[in-house]
Protein backbone atom coordinates (compact mmCIF):
# COMPACT_ATOMS: atom_id res chain seq x y z
CA MET A 1 83.20 49.72 87.72
CA LEU A 2 85.06 46.83 90.11
CA PRO A 3 87.78 47.68 92.36
CA TYR A 4 91.31 46.74 91.09
CA TRP A 5 91.88 44.52 93.80
CA LEU A 6 88.54 42.68 93.62
CA LEU A 7 89.81 42.25 89.73
CA LEU A 8 92.98 41.13 90.42
CA LEU A 9 91.45 38.26 92.60
CA LEU A 10 88.96 37.10 90.36
CA LEU A 11 92.40 36.67 87.73
CA CYS A 12 93.94 34.66 90.17
CA LEU A 13 91.55 32.11 90.99
CA PRO A 14 91.75 29.90 88.08
CA LEU A 15 95.55 29.88 88.50
CA GLY A 16 94.98 28.64 92.44
CA ALA A 17 93.14 25.89 91.14
CA ARG A 18 95.74 24.95 88.24
CA ALA A 19 98.58 25.08 90.44
CA GLN A 20 96.67 22.25 92.19
CA ASP A 21 96.60 19.76 89.19
CA GLY A 22 100.46 20.31 89.44
CA ILE A 23 100.98 17.79 91.88
CA HIS A 24 102.20 14.77 90.96
CA ARG A 25 101.93 11.46 92.80
CA CYS A 26 104.94 9.03 92.59
CA VAL A 27 106.68 6.28 93.99
CA GLY A 28 110.75 6.42 94.62
CA ALA A 29 112.78 3.90 94.29
CA ASP A 30 112.72 3.16 97.59
CA GLY A 31 109.17 2.50 97.48
CA ASN A 32 108.04 4.86 99.25
CA PRO A 33 105.41 7.66 98.02
CA VAL A 34 106.45 10.93 96.68
CA PHE A 35 104.12 13.80 96.76
CA THR A 36 106.16 16.34 94.41
CA ASP A 37 105.30 19.48 91.93
CA GLN A 38 108.17 18.26 89.70
CA PRO A 39 107.24 15.32 86.78
CA CYS A 40 108.35 11.91 88.69
CA ALA A 41 110.62 11.01 85.66
CA ALA A 42 112.97 13.55 87.14
CA LEU A 43 112.91 11.99 90.44
CA ASN A 44 113.50 8.64 88.84
CA ALA A 45 110.33 7.51 90.25
CA THR A 46 107.09 5.85 89.01
CA PRO A 47 103.86 7.97 88.35
CA VAL A 48 101.06 6.60 90.22
CA ALA A 49 97.52 6.98 89.09
CA SER A 50 95.30 9.02 91.29
CA PRO A 51 91.53 7.50 91.76
CA ALA A 52 88.91 9.07 89.65
CA ARG A 53 86.40 10.99 91.86
CA ASP A 54 83.13 10.95 90.90
CA SER A 55 83.34 7.28 89.32
CA ALA A 56 81.48 4.77 91.14
CA PRO A 57 84.00 1.13 91.17
CA THR A 58 83.16 -0.80 88.68
CA THR A 59 82.67 -4.78 89.09
CA THR A 60 81.53 -7.23 85.94
CA ALA A 61 80.54 -9.68 88.74
CA PRO A 62 79.82 -10.10 92.51
CA ILE A 63 82.78 -11.38 94.66
CA ALA A 64 81.88 -14.36 96.63
CA PRO A 65 83.80 -14.71 99.46
CA ALA A 66 86.67 -17.77 99.15
CA THR A 67 85.74 -19.38 102.48
CA PRO A 68 82.35 -18.77 104.59
CA ALA A 69 81.93 -16.24 107.29
CA PRO A 70 83.15 -17.80 110.50
CA VAL A 71 80.34 -18.15 113.35
CA SER A 72 80.97 -15.64 116.10
CA CYS A 73 78.50 -17.49 118.26
CA ALA A 74 77.11 -20.90 118.03
CA THR A 75 74.02 -21.78 119.41
CA THR A 76 73.90 -25.56 118.27
CA VAL A 77 76.19 -28.44 118.21
CA ALA A 78 75.30 -28.62 114.65
CA ASP A 79 76.28 -24.96 114.05
CA LEU A 80 79.73 -25.57 116.43
CA ARG A 81 80.79 -28.54 114.25
CA GLN A 82 80.51 -26.75 111.13
CA SER A 83 82.58 -24.33 112.33
CA VAL A 84 84.83 -26.52 112.73
CA LEU A 85 84.72 -28.14 109.45
CA ASP A 86 85.10 -24.60 108.05
CA ALA A 87 87.99 -24.14 110.34
CA PHE A 88 89.86 -27.28 108.72
CA SER A 89 88.29 -26.74 105.32
CA THR A 90 90.70 -23.50 105.64
CA ARG A 91 93.10 -25.26 107.45
CA ASP A 92 93.29 -21.78 109.84
CA PRO A 93 94.21 -22.80 113.65
CA ASN A 94 93.03 -19.23 114.51
CA ARG A 95 89.95 -19.84 113.22
CA LEU A 96 89.18 -23.12 115.39
CA ALA A 97 90.85 -20.90 118.19
CA GLY A 98 87.97 -18.78 118.21
CA LEU A 99 85.58 -21.36 118.63
CA MET A 100 87.07 -22.17 122.22
CA LEU A 101 86.96 -20.97 125.87
CA TRP A 102 89.67 -19.65 126.57
CA GLY A 103 88.82 -18.02 130.46
CA GLY A 104 91.07 -18.94 132.81
CA TYR A 105 94.25 -20.07 131.12
CA GLY A 106 97.68 -18.64 131.19
CA GLN A 107 99.45 -16.58 128.40
CA GLN A 108 101.99 -19.79 127.96
CA SER A 109 98.90 -22.58 127.86
CA VAL A 110 97.16 -20.33 125.61
CA VAL A 111 100.33 -20.59 123.11
CA ALA A 112 100.75 -23.99 123.55
CA ASP A 113 97.33 -24.96 122.62
CA ILE A 114 97.26 -22.92 119.67
CA ARG A 115 100.31 -24.28 118.36
CA SER A 116 99.12 -27.70 119.13
CA LEU A 117 95.97 -26.61 116.85
CA GLY A 118 98.20 -25.79 114.37
CA GLY A 119 99.67 -29.77 114.18
CA LEU A 120 95.83 -30.94 114.56
CA MET A 121 95.20 -28.81 111.24
CA GLN A 122 98.13 -29.86 109.38
CA ARG A 123 96.73 -33.99 109.35
CA PRO A 124 93.58 -34.51 106.85
CA LEU A 125 90.22 -34.18 108.71
CA LEU A 126 88.47 -37.74 108.79
CA GLY A 127 85.24 -36.28 111.06
CA VAL A 128 83.58 -34.49 113.63
CA GLY A 129 81.08 -35.77 115.48
CA GLN A 130 80.30 -36.39 119.76
CA ALA A 131 81.79 -38.96 121.96
CA ASP A 132 78.62 -40.79 121.79
CA ASP A 133 78.85 -41.20 118.16
CA ASP A 134 79.87 -44.60 116.83
CA SER A 135 81.76 -42.80 114.02
CA ALA A 136 82.02 -39.45 113.01
CA ASP A 137 80.42 -37.49 110.44
CA THR A 138 82.32 -37.37 107.16
CA PRO A 139 83.23 -33.51 106.07
CA ALA A 140 81.20 -34.37 102.97
CA SER A 141 78.66 -35.65 104.67
CA SER A 142 75.32 -33.56 104.83
CA GLY A 143 73.18 -35.91 107.52
CA SER A 144 70.78 -34.54 110.11
CA ALA A 145 72.47 -32.68 112.87
CA PRO A 146 72.86 -35.11 116.13
CA PRO A 147 70.87 -34.67 119.01
CA ALA A 148 72.35 -32.62 121.85
CA PRO A 149 72.31 -34.43 125.54
CA PRO A 150 70.11 -33.19 127.88
CA ASN A 151 73.07 -31.59 130.11
CA ASP A 152 74.98 -28.53 128.91
CA GLU A 153 78.51 -29.98 129.00
CA ARG A 154 79.21 -32.43 126.14
CA GLN A 155 81.83 -33.64 123.95
CA LEU A 156 83.29 -33.36 120.25
CA VAL A 157 85.69 -35.61 118.88
CA VAL A 158 87.62 -34.24 115.84
CA ARG A 159 88.80 -37.36 113.63
CA THR A 160 92.20 -36.74 111.92
CA ALA A 161 94.65 -39.00 110.28
CA ALA A 162 97.70 -40.23 112.41
CA ASP A 163 101.24 -38.79 111.79
CA ASP A 164 102.87 -41.33 112.66
CA GLY A 165 102.44 -43.92 109.52
CA SER A 166 100.07 -46.14 111.73
CA GLY A 167 96.94 -45.88 109.80
CA GLN A 168 95.12 -45.67 113.03
CA PRO A 169 92.73 -42.39 113.15
CA ARG A 170 93.60 -39.61 116.16
CA GLU A 171 90.98 -38.46 118.19
CA THR A 172 91.07 -35.13 119.65
CA ARG A 173 88.16 -34.51 122.43
CA PHE A 174 86.73 -31.07 123.16
CA ASP A 175 84.39 -30.48 125.78
CA VAL A 176 81.28 -28.70 124.47
CA VAL A 177 80.39 -25.59 127.01
CA ARG A 178 77.56 -23.01 126.80
CA ARG A 179 78.46 -19.41 128.23
CA SER A 180 76.27 -16.63 127.51
CA GLY A 181 74.52 -18.35 125.27
CA CYS A 182 76.64 -19.74 122.87
CA LEU A 183 78.64 -23.29 122.82
CA TRP A 184 82.10 -23.08 123.19
CA LEU A 185 85.04 -25.56 122.95
CA ARG A 186 87.46 -26.36 125.32
CA GLY A 187 89.95 -28.25 125.67
CA ARG A 188 90.48 -31.46 127.57
CA GLY A 189 94.26 -31.15 128.17
């Protein structure tokens, strides 16, 4: 025969498991989460459904990214140019700033440059090309990559519509610099 205390313990085990089901997850009127042993309605809170523990997430179709993934290390001028086009397509000055070589800049200079990139992103993009190109490739063109000059430093020219109503395109020139095997943009000041 089982000892009395062991029998009592076996009878109490299901009660402990049942007590775990008594925790209510709610969102209070102030928007903060509330965990309580009382029903959410008693606290004027909204119940939150707990996630299913054993069920796998269900999706009907794979979710495609809304924007192309940023290039973290452009190895060719064509990759760098495409990254500039991607930054303009999303109107994201931070993405363009991620393509720049920031070494040697002071904090105020960086902030000013990022603000100017934000202004650049507000204008329609007409094309991106190299300084020796007669015309920049338009964002919709899928022509071949421009030939790389023999030296490491090149220029990338971003042509945007003028914001002064003159109809003349505005050019912003960036030096293309190779550091640690990657190509980076450097502002021309």
